[in-house]
Amino acid sequence: MDREPQQIPGARFIQADLEDGGPWPLPGERFEGIVVTNYLNRPLMKILNESLAEGGVLIYETFMLGNERFGKPSNPAFLLRPGELLEAFKDLAVKGFEEGVVDDPKPAMIQRLCAVQAGKR
């Protein structure tokens, strides 16, 4: 069932299927901030990197290998390898990085990255 998007002044709502390899819905646009949580689509990492404006901040947190012992996701295709966020966003200035077990809100194995696009394009 299609429904009308919410109307919020200054906000733009876009519906796009990023799973089936469709085109990136925001080509050429740059953002001051990008937040990704509990989602892994490796082909999008390069696009996210390129979509940060100078000085833009990326915050990324999702599950990594080892999470299978806590439950889902457990498929390695949906779990980061150790240090994978650092490698994927190596051109950004890393401000914080964590990987390992968390207990809250439930036990899980995660990676977290906060990084800034410091270079000129």
Protein backbone atom coordinates (compact mmCIF):
# COMPACT_ATOMS: atom_id res chain seq x y z
CA MET A 1 0.00 0.00 0.00
CA ASP A 2 1.46 3.35 -1.05
CA ARG A 3 1.03 6.22 1.30
CA GLU A 4 1.82 9.88 1.10
CA PRO A 5 5.15 10.86 2.64
CA GLN A 6 5.14 13.00 5.74
CA GLN A 7 5.40 16.71 5.17
CA ILE A 8 8.15 18.30 7.25
CA PRO A 9 9.43 21.77 6.34
CA GLY A 10 13.00 21.55 5.03
CA ALA A 11 12.89 17.75 4.70
CA ARG A 12 12.81 15.76 1.50
CA PHE A 13 11.63 12.16 1.48
CA ILE A 14 12.97 9.78 -1.16
CA GLN A 15 12.01 6.17 -1.64
CA ALA A 16 14.65 4.05 -3.36
CA ASP A 17 15.46 0.36 -3.59
CA LEU A 18 19.15 0.18 -2.67
CA GLU A 19 19.17 -3.61 -2.36
CA ASP A 20 18.70 -4.59 -5.99
CA GLY A 21 21.52 -2.47 -7.42
CA GLY A 22 19.29 0.32 -8.64
CA PRO A 23 20.84 3.70 -9.29
CA TRP A 24 21.90 5.89 -6.38
CA PRO A 25 18.94 8.29 -6.02
CA LEU A 26 21.05 11.35 -5.16
CA PRO A 27 23.84 11.49 -7.76
CA GLY A 28 26.21 14.41 -7.35
CA GLU A 29 24.69 15.60 -4.08
CA ARG A 30 26.92 16.22 -1.06
CA PHE A 31 25.85 16.02 2.57
CA GLU A 32 27.06 17.55 5.83
CA GLY A 33 26.22 14.35 7.67
CA ILE A 34 25.46 10.72 6.88
CA VAL A 35 24.32 8.21 9.51
CA VAL A 36 24.12 4.46 8.88
CA THR A 37 22.97 2.05 11.58
CA ASN A 38 22.39 -1.70 11.53
CA TYR A 39 22.77 -1.87 7.75
CA LEU A 40 25.50 -3.21 5.48
CA ASN A 41 25.56 -2.81 1.72
CA ARG A 42 29.23 -2.87 0.74
CA PRO A 43 28.77 -1.42 -2.77
CA LEU A 44 27.26 1.72 -1.21
CA MET A 45 30.31 2.46 0.94
CA LYS A 46 32.19 4.13 -1.94
CA ILE A 47 29.11 6.20 -2.81
CA LEU A 48 28.68 7.28 0.82
CA ASN A 49 32.33 8.35 0.94
CA GLU A 50 31.91 10.38 -2.24
CA SER A 51 28.65 11.90 -0.96
CA LEU A 52 30.18 13.64 2.05
CA ALA A 53 30.73 17.37 1.69
CA GLU A 54 34.03 18.84 2.83
CA GLY A 55 33.83 18.85 6.61
CA GLY A 56 30.92 16.39 6.48
CA VAL A 57 30.62 13.76 9.19
CA LEU A 58 29.97 10.05 8.70
CA ILE A 59 28.63 8.01 11.60
CA TYR A 60 28.41 4.30 10.82
CA GLU A 61 27.52 1.45 13.17
CA THR A 62 26.59 -2.10 12.29
CA PHE A 63 27.23 -5.73 13.12
CA MET A 64 30.48 -7.57 12.55
CA LEU A 65 31.78 -11.12 12.44
CA GLY A 66 31.25 -12.77 15.80
CA ASN A 67 27.67 -11.53 16.03
CA GLU A 68 26.44 -14.97 14.99
CA ARG A 69 26.99 -16.18 18.55
CA PHE A 70 24.44 -13.60 19.77
CA GLY A 71 21.78 -14.15 17.11
CA LYS A 72 20.90 -12.34 13.92
CA PRO A 73 22.32 -11.14 11.69
CA SER A 74 24.48 -14.22 11.45
CA ASN A 75 25.13 -14.48 7.71
CA PRO A 76 28.75 -13.41 7.03
CA ALA A 77 27.56 -11.49 3.97
CA PHE A 78 25.86 -9.08 6.38
CA LEU A 79 28.67 -8.84 8.93
CA LEU A 80 31.68 -6.57 8.75
CA ARG A 81 35.15 -8.07 8.84
CA PRO A 82 37.52 -6.79 11.56
CA GLY A 83 38.62 -3.25 10.69
CA GLU A 84 36.44 -3.15 7.56
CA LEU A 85 34.96 0.28 8.27
CA LEU A 86 38.46 1.73 8.73
CA GLU A 87 39.50 0.28 5.37
CA ALA A 88 36.33 1.31 3.53
CA PHE A 89 36.60 4.92 4.72
CA LYS A 90 40.39 5.24 4.85
CA ASP A 91 40.30 8.57 2.97
CA LEU A 92 38.34 10.20 5.81
CA ALA A 93 39.81 11.62 9.01
CA VAL A 94 38.81 9.12 11.70
CA LYS A 95 37.62 10.75 14.92
CA GLY A 96 36.55 7.55 16.65
CA PHE A 97 36.47 3.82 16.00
CA GLU A 98 35.31 0.89 18.11
CA GLU A 99 34.80 -2.78 17.46
CA GLY A 100 33.81 -5.54 19.80
CA VAL A 101 31.06 -6.76 22.06
CA VAL A 102 28.36 -4.44 23.40
CA ASP A 103 25.77 -5.42 26.00
CA ASP A 104 23.20 -2.68 25.48
CA PRO A 105 20.53 -2.63 24.14
CA LYS A 106 21.27 -6.36 23.66
CA PRO A 107 24.50 -8.34 23.36
CA ALA A 108 26.02 -7.96 19.90
CA MET A 109 29.35 -7.71 18.09
CA ILE A 110 29.58 -4.32 16.39
CA GLN A 111 31.83 -1.80 14.66
CA ARG A 112 31.41 1.95 15.04
CA LEU A 113 33.10 4.70 13.08
CA CYS A 114 32.91 8.47 13.26
CA ALA A 115 34.93 10.21 10.52
CA VAL A 116 35.14 13.56 8.73
CA GLN A 117 35.67 14.40 5.07
CA ALA A 118 38.65 16.70 5.49
CA GLY A 119 40.07 16.78 1.96
CA LYS A 120 39.19 19.01 -0.93
CA ARG A 121 37.46 17.45 -3.92
